[in-house]
Each structure stands twice: as structure tokens, then as C-alpha cells.
């Protein structure tokens, strides 16, 4: 198991992670630190605990937005898939009707 030093609000924290995940965890730590610093710039120093709660809520809000967008994309994909299936069925039906019309036309010519 690997150890990564993450710096948030000027404090270093040793965090364990799976081998190979060090760079990813460092990026996550840097992102959290960036968001906290943006929050400090917007609201000032309101205490570390309050800042951490606020940034957790901001990150949860971002995640919620991403989940909502993913749901819309999935439903759009399902709609597109359904539309393509309907178009395929319609195409098959039109081909079948065309064949039946040809058969009827041939019978009429023979009569």
C-alpha cells in the first residue's frame, strides 16, 4: 500500500492508497485544496472545520450535477436506441410491403 502526502490549507496529510493510485490521489488533494482556497477568497477565514464542511457540500453539489447530466445522457442514449430500433422495424415493414405490392402487381399482370 502506497502513502501520499496531500497538502490542504497548508497542512500536510499522509494518506494511504492502492499502489499506482498516487498521482490520482495527489490530483484529488490538489483539487480539494484549490476549492478550499477559492472558498477562503470568497468568504474569508471562517474556521477550518466550517471550511471543510462547506467545501464538502460544494463538491457534493458538483457531483450531484454530474450525476444529473449522466442520467440525461443515458436517457438520451436510450431514446436514440429506441428511435433507431423503431426506424429499423419501419424499414423492414416497408420492405415487406414493397414485396407484397410486387407480388400483387405480378398477379394483376398475369390476369
PDB file of N, CA and C in Angstrom:
ATOM      1  N   UNK A   1       0.852  -1.173   0.000  1.00  0.00           N
ATOM      2  CA  UNK A   1       0.000   0.000   0.000  1.00  0.00           C
ATOM      3  C   UNK A   1       0.897   1.235   0.000  1.00  0.00           C
ATOM      4  N   UNK A   2       0.575   2.184  -0.861  1.00  0.00           N
ATOM      5  CA  UNK A   2       1.383   3.390  -1.020  1.00  0.00           C
ATOM      6  C   UNK A   2       0.908   4.481  -0.059  1.00  0.00           C
ATOM      7  N   UNK A   3       1.792   5.434   0.191  1.00  0.00           N
ATOM      8  CA  UNK A   3       1.488   6.605   1.015  1.00  0.00           C
ATOM      9  C   UNK A   3       1.691   7.847   0.161  1.00  0.00           C
ATOM     10  N   UNK A   4       0.778   8.797   0.274  1.00  0.00           N
ATOM     11  CA  UNK A   4       0.874  10.045  -0.477  1.00  0.00           C
ATOM     12  C   UNK A   4       0.718  11.192   0.503  1.00  0.00           C
ATOM     13  N   UNK A   5       1.542  12.228   0.321  1.00  0.00           N
ATOM     14  CA  UNK A   5       1.394  13.443   1.111  1.00  0.00           C
ATOM     15  C   UNK A   5       0.486  14.391   0.350  1.00  0.00           C
ATOM     16  N   UNK A   6      -0.604  14.777   1.005  1.00  0.00           N
ATOM     17  CA  UNK A   6      -1.562  15.707   0.417  1.00  0.00           C
ATOM     18  C   UNK A   6      -1.534  16.966   1.261  1.00  0.00           C
ATOM     19  N   UNK A   7      -1.457  18.120   0.598  1.00  0.00           N
ATOM     20  CA  UNK A   7      -1.427  19.393   1.309  1.00  0.00           C
ATOM     21  C   UNK A   7      -2.748  20.125   1.103  1.00  0.00           C
ATOM     22  N   UNK A   8      -3.417  20.411   2.225  1.00  0.00           N
ATOM     23  CA  UNK A   8      -4.689  21.132   2.184  1.00  0.00           C
ATOM     24  C   UNK A   8      -4.616  22.250   3.214  1.00  0.00           C
ATOM     25  N   UNK A   9      -4.853  23.454   2.749  1.00  0.00           N
ATOM     26  CA  UNK A   9      -4.764  24.647   3.596  1.00  0.00           C
ATOM     27  C   UNK A   9      -3.414  24.752   4.301  1.00  0.00           C
ATOM     28  N   UNK A  10      -2.368  24.383   3.580  1.00  0.00           N
ATOM     29  CA  UNK A  10      -1.021  24.498   4.121  1.00  0.00           C
ATOM     30  C   UNK A  10      -0.626  23.390   5.076  1.00  0.00           C
ATOM     31  N   UNK A  11      -1.491  22.453   5.329  1.00  0.00           N
ATOM     32  CA  UNK A  11      -1.177  21.315   6.200  1.00  0.00           C
ATOM     33  C   UNK A  11      -0.963  20.078   5.353  1.00  0.00           C
ATOM     34  N   UNK A  12       0.015  19.282   5.735  1.00  0.00           N
ATOM     35  CA  UNK A  12       0.286  18.032   5.022  1.00  0.00           C
ATOM     36  C   UNK A  12      -0.372  16.868   5.733  1.00  0.00           C
ATOM     37  N   UNK A  13      -0.944  16.003   4.938  1.00  0.00           N
ATOM     38  CA  UNK A  13      -1.595  14.803   5.461  1.00  0.00           C
ATOM     39  C   UNK A  13      -1.047  13.599   4.724  1.00  0.00           C
ATOM     40  N   UNK A  14      -0.670  12.561   5.457  1.00  0.00           N
ATOM     41  CA  UNK A  14      -0.252  11.298   4.853  1.00  0.00           C
ATOM     42  C   UNK A  14      -1.505  10.466   4.623  1.00  0.00           C
ATOM     43  N   UNK A  15      -1.715  10.059   3.385  1.00  0.00           N
ATOM     44  CA  UNK A  15      -2.909   9.294   3.042  1.00  0.00           C
ATOM     45  C   UNK A  15      -2.474   8.007   2.348  1.00  0.00           C
ATOM     46  N   UNK A  16      -3.040   6.900   2.771  1.00  0.00           N
ATOM     47  CA  UNK A  16      -2.733   5.612   2.150  1.00  0.00           C
ATOM     48  C   UNK A  16      -3.620   5.416   0.928  1.00  0.00           C
ATOM     49  N   UNK A  17      -3.063   4.751  -0.069  1.00  0.00           N
ATOM     50  CA  UNK A  17      -3.838   4.436  -1.270  1.00  0.00           C
ATOM     51  C   UNK A  17      -3.268   3.172  -1.901  1.00  0.00           C
ATOM     52  N   UNK A  18      -3.996   2.618  -2.831  1.00  0.00           N
ATOM     53  CA  UNK A  18      -3.511   1.446  -3.553  1.00  0.00           C
ATOM     54  C   UNK A  18      -2.312   1.829  -4.400  1.00  0.00           C
ATOM     55  N   UNK A  19      -1.423   0.872  -4.598  1.00  0.00           N
ATOM     56  CA  UNK A  19      -0.268   1.113  -5.464  1.00  0.00           C
ATOM     57  C   UNK A  19      -0.743   1.526  -6.848  1.00  0.00           C
ATOM     58  N   UNK A  20      -0.103   2.542  -7.407  1.00  0.00           N
ATOM     59  CA  UNK A  20      -0.463   3.040  -8.728  1.00  0.00           C
ATOM     60  C   UNK A  20      -1.485   4.160  -8.693  1.00  0.00           C
ATOM     61  N   UNK A  21      -2.068   4.447  -7.535  1.00  0.00           N
ATOM     62  CA  UNK A  21      -3.081   5.492  -7.411  1.00  0.00           C
ATOM     63  C   UNK A  21      -2.525   6.795  -6.845  1.00  0.00           C
ATOM     64  N   UNK A  22      -1.214   6.849  -6.672  1.00  0.00           N
ATOM     65  CA  UNK A  22      -0.596   8.014  -6.037  1.00  0.00           C
ATOM     66  C   UNK A  22      -0.861   9.309  -6.798  1.00  0.00           C
ATOM     67  N   UNK A  23      -0.665   9.307  -8.081  1.00  0.00           N
ATOM     68  CA  UNK A  23      -0.855  10.529  -8.886  1.00  0.00           C
ATOM     69  C   UNK A  23      -2.316  10.975  -8.845  1.00  0.00           C
ATOM     70  N   UNK A  24      -3.218  10.013  -8.920  1.00  0.00           N
ATOM     71  CA  UNK A  24      -4.647  10.336  -8.877  1.00  0.00           C
ATOM     72  C   UNK A  24      -5.004  10.974  -7.534  1.00  0.00           C
ATOM     73  N   UNK A  25      -4.530  10.387  -6.446  1.00  0.00           N
ATOM     74  CA  UNK A  25      -4.816  10.931  -5.122  1.00  0.00           C
ATOM     75  C   UNK A  25      -4.194  12.315  -4.954  1.00  0.00           C
ATOM     76  N   UNK A  26      -3.018  12.528  -5.504  1.00  0.00           N
ATOM     77  CA  UNK A  26      -2.388  13.853  -5.448  1.00  0.00           C
ATOM     78  C   UNK A  26      -3.220  14.886  -6.193  1.00  0.00           C
ATOM     79  N   UNK A  27      -3.756  14.507  -7.369  1.00  0.00           N
ATOM     80  CA  UNK A  27      -4.625  15.420  -8.120  1.00  0.00           C
ATOM     81  C   UNK A  27      -5.889  15.748  -7.339  1.00  0.00           C
ATOM     82  N   UNK A  28      -6.473  14.741  -6.693  1.00  0.00           N
ATOM     83  CA  UNK A  28      -7.673  14.977  -5.892  1.00  0.00           C
ATOM     84  C   UNK A  28      -7.376  15.924  -4.737  1.00  0.00           C
ATOM     85  N   UNK A  29      -6.257  15.699  -4.064  1.00  0.00           N
ATOM     86  CA  UNK A  29      -5.873  16.576  -2.960  1.00  0.00           C
ATOM     87  C   UNK A  29      -5.653  18.001  -3.432  1.00  0.00           C
ATOM     88  N   UNK A  30      -5.014  18.158  -4.579  1.00  0.00           N
ATOM     89  CA  UNK A  30      -4.767  19.490  -5.137  1.00  0.00           C
ATOM     90  C   UNK A  30      -6.093  20.166  -5.496  1.00  0.00           C
ATOM     91  N   UNK A  31      -7.046  19.384  -5.998  1.00  0.00           N
ATOM     92  CA  UNK A  31      -8.351  19.950  -6.352  1.00  0.00           C
ATOM     93  C   UNK A  31      -9.090  20.425  -5.103  1.00  0.00           C
ATOM     94  N   UNK A  32      -9.077  19.610  -4.052  1.00  0.00           N
ATOM     95  CA  UNK A  32      -9.740  19.997  -2.802  1.00  0.00           C
ATOM     96  C   UNK A  32      -9.077  21.255  -2.242  1.00  0.00           C
ATOM     97  N   UNK A  33      -7.751  21.295  -2.268  1.00  0.00           N
ATOM     98  CA  UNK A  33      -7.030  22.470  -1.769  1.00  0.00           C
ATOM     99  C   UNK A  33      -7.390  23.714  -2.579  1.00  0.00           C
ATOM    100  N   UNK A  34      -7.480  23.567  -3.888  1.00  0.00           N
ATOM    101  CA  UNK A  34      -7.856  24.686  -4.761  1.00  0.00           C
ATOM    102  C   UNK A  34      -9.255  25.191  -4.415  1.00  0.00           C
ATOM    103  N   UNK A  35     -10.206  24.269  -4.254  1.00  0.00           N
ATOM    104  CA  UNK A  35     -11.578  24.666  -3.941  1.00  0.00           C
ATOM    105  C   UNK A  35     -11.658  25.356  -2.577  1.00  0.00           C
ATOM    106  N   UNK A  36     -10.906  24.856  -1.593  1.00  0.00           N
ATOM    107  CA  UNK A  36     -10.915  25.486  -0.272  1.00  0.00           C
ATOM    108  C   UNK A  36     -10.328  26.889  -0.362  1.00  0.00           C
ATOM    109  N   UNK A  37      -9.247  27.034  -1.111  1.00  0.00           N
ATOM    110  CA  UNK A  37      -8.649  28.361  -1.260  1.00  0.00           C
ATOM    111  C   UNK A  37      -9.592  29.324  -1.971  1.00  0.00           C
ATOM    112  N   UNK A  38     -10.352  28.845  -2.952  1.00  0.00           N
ATOM    113  CA  UNK A  38     -11.357  29.688  -3.602  1.00  0.00           C
ATOM    114  C   UNK A  38     -12.438  30.102  -2.605  1.00  0.00           C
ATOM    115  N   UNK A  39     -12.812  29.172  -1.760  1.00  0.00           N
ATOM    116  CA  UNK A  39     -13.816  29.452  -0.743  1.00  0.00           C
ATOM    117  C   UNK A  39     -13.313  30.479   0.265  1.00  0.00           C
ATOM    118  N   UNK A  40     -12.065  30.343   0.682  1.00  0.00           N
ATOM    119  CA  UNK A  40     -11.464  31.313   1.606  1.00  0.00           C
ATOM    120  C   UNK A  40     -11.459  32.699   0.967  1.00  0.00           C
ATOM    121  N   UNK A  41     -11.136  32.756  -0.317  1.00  0.00           N
ATOM    122  CA  UNK A  41     -11.124  34.044  -1.020  1.00  0.00           C
ATOM    123  C   UNK A  41     -12.521  34.651  -1.078  1.00  0.00           C
ATOM    124  N   UNK A  42     -13.545  33.807  -1.159  1.00  0.00           N
ATOM    125  CA  UNK A  42     -14.917  34.303  -1.277  1.00  0.00           C
ATOM    126  C   UNK A  42     -15.537  34.676   0.073  1.00  0.00           C
ATOM    127  N   UNK A  43     -15.303  33.861   1.102  1.00  0.00           N
ATOM    128  CA  UNK A  43     -15.985  34.090   2.381  1.00  0.00           C
ATOM    129  C   UNK A  43     -15.042  34.459   3.514  1.00  0.00           C
ATOM    130  N   UNK A  44     -13.746  34.368   3.283  1.00  0.00           N
ATOM    131  CA  UNK A  44     -12.775  34.676   4.332  1.00  0.00           C
ATOM    132  C   UNK A  44     -12.546  33.484   5.243  1.00  0.00           C
ATOM    133  N   UNK A  45     -11.726  33.698   6.250  1.00  0.00           N
ATOM    134  CA  UNK A  45     -11.427  32.641   7.214  1.00  0.00           C
ATOM    135  C   UNK A  45     -12.610  32.465   8.146  1.00  0.00           C
ATOM    136  N   UNK A  46     -13.241  31.322   8.092  1.00  0.00           N
ATOM    137  CA  UNK A  46     -14.394  31.055   8.945  1.00  0.00           C
ATOM    138  C   UNK A  46     -14.156  29.820   9.815  1.00  0.00           C
ATOM    139  N   UNK A  47     -12.929  29.422   9.914  1.00  0.00           N
ATOM    140  CA  UNK A  47     -12.598  28.235  10.693  1.00  0.00           C
ATOM    141  C   UNK A  47     -12.425  27.030   9.791  1.00  0.00           C
ATOM    142  N   UNK A  48     -11.446  26.218  10.142  1.00  0.00           N
ATOM    143  CA  UNK A  48     -11.107  25.063   9.307  1.00  0.00           C
ATOM    144  C   UNK A  48     -12.254  24.071   9.195  1.00  0.00           C
ATOM    145  N   UNK A  49     -12.899  23.768  10.295  1.00  0.00           N
ATOM    146  CA  UNK A  49     -13.992  22.793  10.270  1.00  0.00           C
ATOM    147  C   UNK A  49     -15.125  23.277   9.363  1.00  0.00           C
ATOM    148  N   UNK A  50     -15.489  24.539   9.506  1.00  0.00           N
ATOM    149  CA  UNK A  50     -16.570  25.091   8.678  1.00  0.00           C
ATOM    150  C   UNK A  50     -16.161  25.096   7.204  1.00  0.00           C
ATOM    151  N   UNK A  51     -14.907  25.452   6.909  1.00  0.00           N
ATOM    152  CA  UNK A  51     -14.431  25.437   5.519  1.00  0.00           C
ATOM    153  C   UNK A  51     -14.511  24.033   4.936  1.00  0.00           C
ATOM    154  N   UNK A  52     -14.105  23.041   5.716  1.00  0.00           N
ATOM    155  CA  UNK A  52     -14.142  21.668   5.219  1.00  0.00           C
ATOM    156  C   UNK A  52     -15.582  21.211   4.971  1.00  0.00           C
ATOM    157  N   UNK A  53     -16.506  21.608   5.832  1.00  0.00           N
ATOM    158  CA  UNK A  53     -17.912  21.263   5.613  1.00  0.00           C
ATOM    159  C   UNK A  53     -18.420  21.960   4.353  1.00  0.00           C
ATOM    160  N   UNK A  54     -18.092  23.232   4.200  1.00  0.00           N
ATOM    161  CA  UNK A  54     -18.554  23.984   3.032  1.00  0.00           C
ATOM    162  C   UNK A  54     -17.994  23.403   1.746  1.00  0.00           C
ATOM    163  N   UNK A  55     -16.701  23.062   1.744  1.00  0.00           N
ATOM    164  CA  UNK A  55     -16.116  22.508   0.515  1.00  0.00           C
ATOM    165  C   UNK A  55     -16.678  21.115   0.242  1.00  0.00           C
ATOM    166  N   UNK A  56     -16.957  20.345   1.288  1.00  0.00           N
ATOM    167  CA  UNK A  56     -17.582  19.036   1.078  1.00  0.00           C
ATOM    168  C   UNK A  56     -18.951  19.203   0.423  1.00  0.00           C
ATOM    169  N   UNK A  57     -19.708  20.202   0.864  1.00  0.00           N
ATOM    170  CA  UNK A  57     -21.017  20.457   0.258  1.00  0.00           C
ATOM    171  C   UNK A  57     -20.883  20.935  -1.185  1.00  0.00           C
ATOM    172  N   UNK A  58     -19.899  21.780  -1.455  1.00  0.00           N
ATOM    173  CA  UNK A  58     -19.669  22.236  -2.830  1.00  0.00           C
ATOM    174  C   UNK A  58     -19.303  21.066  -3.740  1.00  0.00           C
ATOM    175  N   UNK A  59     -18.430  20.183  -3.265  1.00  0.00           N
ATOM    176  CA  UNK A  59     -18.027  19.037  -4.070  1.00  0.00           C
ATOM    177  C   UNK A  59     -19.199  18.072  -4.263  1.00  0.00           C
ATOM    178  N   UNK A  60     -20.018  17.904  -3.215  1.00  0.00           N
ATOM    179  CA  UNK A  60     -21.206  17.061  -3.349  1.00  0.00           C
ATOM    180  C   UNK A  60     -22.173  17.656  -4.366  1.00  0.00           C
ATOM    181  N   UNK A  61     -22.290  18.987  -4.388  1.00  0.00           N
ATOM    182  CA  UNK A  61     -23.150  19.661  -5.360  1.00  0.00           C
ATOM    183  C   UNK A  61     -22.628  19.430  -6.780  1.00  0.00           C
ATOM    184  N   UNK A  62     -21.322  19.560  -6.963  1.00  0.00           N
ATOM    185  CA  UNK A  62     -20.726  19.293  -8.288  1.00  0.00           C
ATOM    186  C   UNK A  62     -21.005  17.860  -8.714  1.00  0.00           C
ATOM    187  N   UNK A  63     -20.831  16.921  -7.792  1.00  0.00           N
ATOM    188  CA  UNK A  63     -21.062  15.510  -8.095  1.00  0.00           C
ATOM    189  C   UNK A  63     -22.528  15.265  -8.445  1.00  0.00           C
ATOM    190  N   UNK A  64     -23.418  15.909  -7.720  1.00  0.00           N
ATOM    191  CA  UNK A  64     -24.845  15.785  -7.998  1.00  0.00           C
ATOM    192  C   UNK A  64     -25.168  16.278  -9.408  1.00  0.00           C
ATOM    193  N   UNK A  65     -24.570  17.415  -9.799  1.00  0.00           N
ATOM    194  CA  UNK A  65     -24.782  17.941 -11.155  1.00  0.00           C
ATOM    195  C   UNK A  65     -24.286  16.964 -12.212  1.00  0.00           C
ATOM    196  N   UNK A  66     -23.136  16.355 -11.956  1.00  0.00           N
ATOM    197  CA  UNK A  66     -22.571  15.400 -12.917  1.00  0.00           C
ATOM    198  C   UNK A  66     -23.475  14.172 -13.030  1.00  0.00           C
ATOM    199  N   UNK A  67     -23.989  13.683 -11.892  1.00  0.00           N
ATOM    200  CA  UNK A  67     -24.914  12.550 -11.939  1.00  0.00           C
ATOM    201  C   UNK A  67     -26.180  12.899 -12.727  1.00  0.00           C
ATOM    202  N   UNK A  68     -26.688  14.106 -12.539  1.00  0.00           N
ATOM    203  CA  UNK A  68     -27.879  14.527 -13.274  1.00  0.00           C
ATOM    204  C   UNK A  68     -27.591  14.574 -14.775  1.00  0.00           C
ATOM    205  N   UNK A  69     -26.441  15.121 -15.156  1.00  0.00           N
ATOM    206  CA  UNK A  69     -26.062  15.167 -16.572  1.00  0.00           C
ATOM    207  C   UNK A  69     -25.892  13.765 -17.136  1.00  0.00           C
ATOM    208  N   UNK A  70     -25.326  12.868 -16.349  1.00  0.00           N
ATOM    209  CA  UNK A  70     -25.148  11.486 -16.785  1.00  0.00           C
ATOM    210  C   UNK A  70     -26.492  10.814 -17.010  1.00  0.00           C
ATOM    211  N   UNK A  71     -27.439  11.067 -16.125  1.00  0.00           N
ATOM    212  CA  UNK A  71     -28.777  10.496 -16.266  1.00  0.00           C
ATOM    213  C   UNK A  71     -29.452  10.999 -17.539  1.00  0.00           C
ATOM    214  N   UNK A  72     -29.299  12.293 -17.817  1.00  0.00           N
ATOM    215  CA  UNK A  72     -29.872  12.862 -19.046  1.00  0.00           C
ATOM    216  C   UNK A  72     -29.221  12.216 -20.264  1.00  0.00           C
ATOM    217  N   UNK A  73     -27.891  12.065 -20.214  1.00  0.00           N
ATOM    218  CA  UNK A  73     -27.182  11.445 -21.342  1.00  0.00           C
ATOM    219  C   UNK A  73     -27.632  10.006 -21.537  1.00  0.00           C
ATOM    220  N   UNK A  74     -27.778   9.284 -20.430  1.00  0.00           N
ATOM    221  CA  UNK A  74     -28.221   7.886 -20.534  1.00  0.00           C
ATOM    222  C   UNK A  74     -29.634   7.800 -21.105  1.00  0.00           C
ATOM    223  N   UNK A  75     -30.527   8.672 -20.646  1.00  0.00           N
ATOM    224  CA  UNK A  75     -31.893   8.632 -21.165  1.00  0.00           C
ATOM    225  C   UNK A  75     -31.919   9.052 -22.628  1.00  0.00           C
ATOM    226  N   UNK A  76     -31.051   9.992 -23.008  1.00  0.00           N
ATOM    227  CA  UNK A  76     -30.962  10.389 -24.415  1.00  0.00           C
ATOM    228  C   UNK A  76     -30.455   9.233 -25.252  1.00  0.00           C
ATOM    229  N   UNK A  77     -29.448   8.515 -24.739  1.00  0.00           N
ATOM    230  CA  UNK A  77     -28.931   7.347 -25.447  1.00  0.00           C
ATOM    231  C   UNK A  77     -30.017   6.289 -25.598  1.00  0.00           C
ATOM    232  N   UNK A  78     -30.812   6.096 -24.541  1.00  0.00           N
ATOM    233  CA  UNK A  78     -31.894   5.118 -24.602  1.00  0.00           C
ATOM    234  C   UNK A  78     -32.927   5.560 -25.634  1.00  0.00           C
ATOM    235  N   UNK A  79     -33.201   6.862 -25.677  1.00  0.00           N
ATOM    236  CA  UNK A  79     -34.146   7.380 -26.661  1.00  0.00           C
ATOM    237  C   UNK A  79     -33.642   7.203 -28.076  1.00  0.00           C
ATOM    238  N   UNK A  80     -32.362   7.456 -28.272  1.00  0.00           N
ATOM    239  CA  UNK A  80     -31.765   7.284 -29.598  1.00  0.00           C
ATOM    240  C   UNK A  80     -31.808   5.815 -29.996  1.00  0.00           C
ATOM    241  N   UNK A  81     -31.487   4.928 -29.048  1.00  0.00           N
ATOM    242  CA  UNK A  81     -31.516   3.494 -29.333  1.00  0.00           C
ATOM    243  C   UNK A  81     -32.930   3.052 -29.699  1.00  0.00           C
ATOM    244  N   UNK A  82     -33.909   3.532 -28.954  1.00  0.00           N
ATOM    245  CA  UNK A  82     -35.306   3.184 -29.245  1.00  0.00           C
ATOM    246  C   UNK A  82     -35.718   3.712 -30.616  1.00  0.00           C
ATOM    247  N   UNK A  83     -35.288   4.938 -30.930  1.00  0.00           N
ATOM    248  CA  UNK A  83     -35.619   5.522 -32.231  1.00  0.00           C
ATOM    249  C   UNK A  83     -34.990   4.718 -33.366  1.00  0.00           C
ATOM    250  N   UNK A  84     -33.719   4.314 -33.192  1.00  0.00           N
ATOM    251  CA  UNK A  84     -33.061   3.510 -34.221  1.00  0.00           C
ATOM    252  C   UNK A  84     -33.750   2.162 -34.385  1.00  0.00           C
ATOM    253  N   UNK A  85     -34.189   1.561 -33.281  1.00  0.00           N
ATOM    254  CA  UNK A  85     -34.911   0.288 -33.359  1.00  0.00           C
ATOM    255  C   UNK A  85     -36.229   0.477 -34.103  1.00  0.00           C
ATOM    256  N   UNK A  86     -36.919   1.564 -33.807  1.00  0.00           N
ATOM    257  CA  UNK A  86     -38.183   1.841 -34.489  1.00  0.00           C
ATOM    258  C   UNK A  86     -37.946   2.073 -35.972  1.00  0.00           C
ATOM    259  N   UNK A  87     -36.880   2.775 -36.320  1.00  0.00           N
ATOM    260  CA  UNK A  87     -36.569   3.014 -37.730  1.00  0.00           C
ATOM    261  C   UNK A  87     -36.247   1.705 -38.436  1.00  0.00           C
ATOM    262  N   UNK A  88     -35.511   0.819 -37.770  1.00  0.00           N
ATOM    263  CA  UNK A  88     -35.198  -0.486 -38.354  1.00  0.00           C
ATOM    264  C   UNK A  88     -36.475  -1.279 -38.598  1.00  0.00           C
ATOM    265  N   UNK A  89     -37.381  -1.271 -37.611  1.00  0.00           N
ATOM    266  CA  UNK A  89     -38.641  -2.003 -37.751  1.00  0.00           C
ATOM    267  C   UNK A  89     -39.465  -1.417 -38.884  1.00  0.00           C
ATOM    268  N   UNK A  90     -39.515  -0.092 -38.964  1.00  0.00           N
ATOM    269  CA  UNK A  90     -40.264   0.565 -40.029  1.00  0.00           C
ATOM    270  C   UNK A  90     -39.670   0.222 -41.395  1.00  0.00           C
ATOM    271  N   UNK A  91     -38.371   0.230 -41.483  1.00  0.00           N
ATOM    272  CA  UNK A  91     -37.698  -0.101 -42.735  1.00  0.00           C
ATOM    273  C   UNK A  91     -38.028  -1.528 -43.170  1.00  0.00           C
ATOM    274  N   UNK A  92     -38.009  -2.444 -42.212  1.00  0.00           N
ATOM    275  CA  UNK A  92     -38.342  -3.841 -42.509  1.00  0.00           C
ATOM    276  C   UNK A  92     -39.790  -3.959 -42.977  1.00  0.00           C
ATOM    277  N   UNK A  93     -40.689  -3.251 -42.302  1.00  0.00           N
ATOM    278  CA  UNK A  93     -42.109  -3.280 -42.690  1.00  0.00           C
ATOM    279  C   UNK A  93     -42.301  -2.717 -44.091  1.00  0.00           C
ATOM    280  N   UNK A  94     -41.618  -1.644 -44.420  1.00  0.00           N
ATOM    281  CA  UNK A  94     -41.732  -1.047 -45.758  1.00  0.00           C
ATOM    282  C   UNK A  94     -41.218  -2.012 -46.814  1.00  0.00           C
ATOM    283  N   UNK A  95     -40.114  -2.690 -46.527  1.00  0.00           N
ATOM    284  CA  UNK A  95     -39.579  -3.683 -47.475  1.00  0.00           C
ATOM    285  C   UNK A  95     -40.573  -4.814 -47.684  1.00  0.00           C
ATOM    286  N   UNK A  96     -41.173  -5.293 -46.592  1.00  0.00           N
ATOM    287  CA  UNK A  96     -42.167  -6.365 -46.701  1.00  0.00           C
ATOM    288  C   UNK A  96     -43.379  -5.915 -47.516  1.00  0.00           C
ATOM    289  N   UNK A  97     -43.853  -4.682 -47.273  1.00  0.00           N
ATOM    290  CA  UNK A  97     -44.978  -4.156 -48.047  1.00  0.00           C
ATOM    291  C   UNK A  97     -44.608  -4.033 -49.525  1.00  0.00           C
ATOM    292  N   UNK A  98     -43.398  -3.577 -49.811  1.00  0.00           N
ATOM    293  CA  UNK A  98     -42.965  -3.443 -51.203  1.00  0.00           C
ATOM    294  C   UNK A  98     -42.968  -4.800 -51.891  1.00  0.00           C
ATOM    295  N   UNK A  99     -42.525  -5.832 -51.210  1.00  0.00           N
ATOM    296  CA  UNK A  99     -42.529  -7.181 -51.793  1.00  0.00           C
ATOM    297  C   UNK A  99     -43.959  -7.652 -52.057  1.00  0.00           C
ATOM    298  N   UNK A 100     -44.856  -7.388 -51.096  1.00  0.00           N
ATOM    299  CA  UNK A 100     -46.249  -7.781 -51.280  1.00  0.00           C
ATOM    300  C   UNK A 100     -46.883  -7.041 -52.457  1.00  0.00           C
ATOM    301  N   UNK A 101     -46.563  -5.757 -52.595  1.00  0.00           N
ATOM    302  CA  UNK A 101     -47.093  -4.966 -53.711  1.00  0.00           C
ATOM    303  C   UNK A 101     -46.592  -5.530 -55.038  1.00  0.00           C
ATOM    304  N   UNK A 102     -45.294  -5.908 -55.063  1.00  0.00           N
ATOM    305  CA  UNK A 102     -44.742  -6.502 -56.293  1.00  0.00           C
ATOM    306  C   UNK A 102     -45.448  -7.805 -56.644  1.00  0.00           C
ATOM    307  N   UNK A 103     -45.720  -8.618 -55.633  1.00  0.00           N
ATOM    308  CA  UNK A 103     -46.430  -9.882 -55.869  1.00  0.00           C
ATOM    309  C   UNK A 103     -47.829  -9.605 -56.419  1.00  0.00           C
ATOM    310  N   UNK A 104     -48.514  -8.645 -55.824  1.00  0.00           N
ATOM    311  CA  UNK A 104     -49.866  -8.294 -56.294  1.00  0.00           C
ATOM    312  C   UNK A 104     -49.795  -7.752 -57.725  1.00  0.00           C
ATOM    313  N   UNK A 105     -48.800  -6.921 -58.021  1.00  0.00           N
ATOM    314  CA  UNK A 105     -48.658  -6.368 -59.368  1.00  0.00           C
ATOM    315  C   UNK A 105     -48.393  -7.474 -60.375  1.00  0.00           C
ATOM    316  N   UNK A 106     -47.572  -8.436 -60.030  1.00  0.00           N
ATOM    317  CA  UNK A 106     -47.295  -9.567 -60.926  1.00  0.00           C
ATOM    318  C   UNK A 106     -48.579 -10.370 -61.197  1.00  0.00           C
ATOM    319  N   UNK A 107     -49.361 -10.579 -60.147  1.00  0.00           N
ATOM    320  CA  UNK A 107     -50.618 -11.336 -60.313  1.00  0.00           C
ATOM    321  C   UNK A 107     -51.580 -10.592 -61.227  1.00  0.00           C
ATOM    322  N   UNK A 108     -51.613  -9.269 -61.075  1.00  0.00           N
ATOM    323  CA  UNK A 108     -52.500  -8.465 -61.905  1.00  0.00           C
ATOM    324  C   UNK A 108     -52.061  -8.535 -63.359  1.00  0.00           C
ATOM    325  N   UNK A 109     -50.748  -8.515 -63.605  1.00  0.00           N
ATOM    326  CA  UNK A 109     -50.253  -8.591 -64.974  1.00  0.00           C
ATOM    327  C   UNK A 109     -50.576  -9.938 -65.606  1.00  0.00           C
ATOM    328  N   UNK A 110     -50.555 -10.980 -64.793  1.00  0.00           N
ATOM    329  CA  UNK A 110     -50.830 -12.336 -65.295  1.00  0.00           C
ATOM    330  C   UNK A 110     -52.327 -12.555 -65.529  1.00  0.00           C
ATOM    331  N   UNK A 111     -53.143 -11.785 -64.914  1.00  0.00           N
ATOM    332  CA  UNK A 111     -54.600 -11.997 -65.023  1.00  0.00           C
ATOM    333  C   UNK A 111     -55.176 -11.463 -66.294  1.00  0.00           C
TER     334      UNK A 111
END
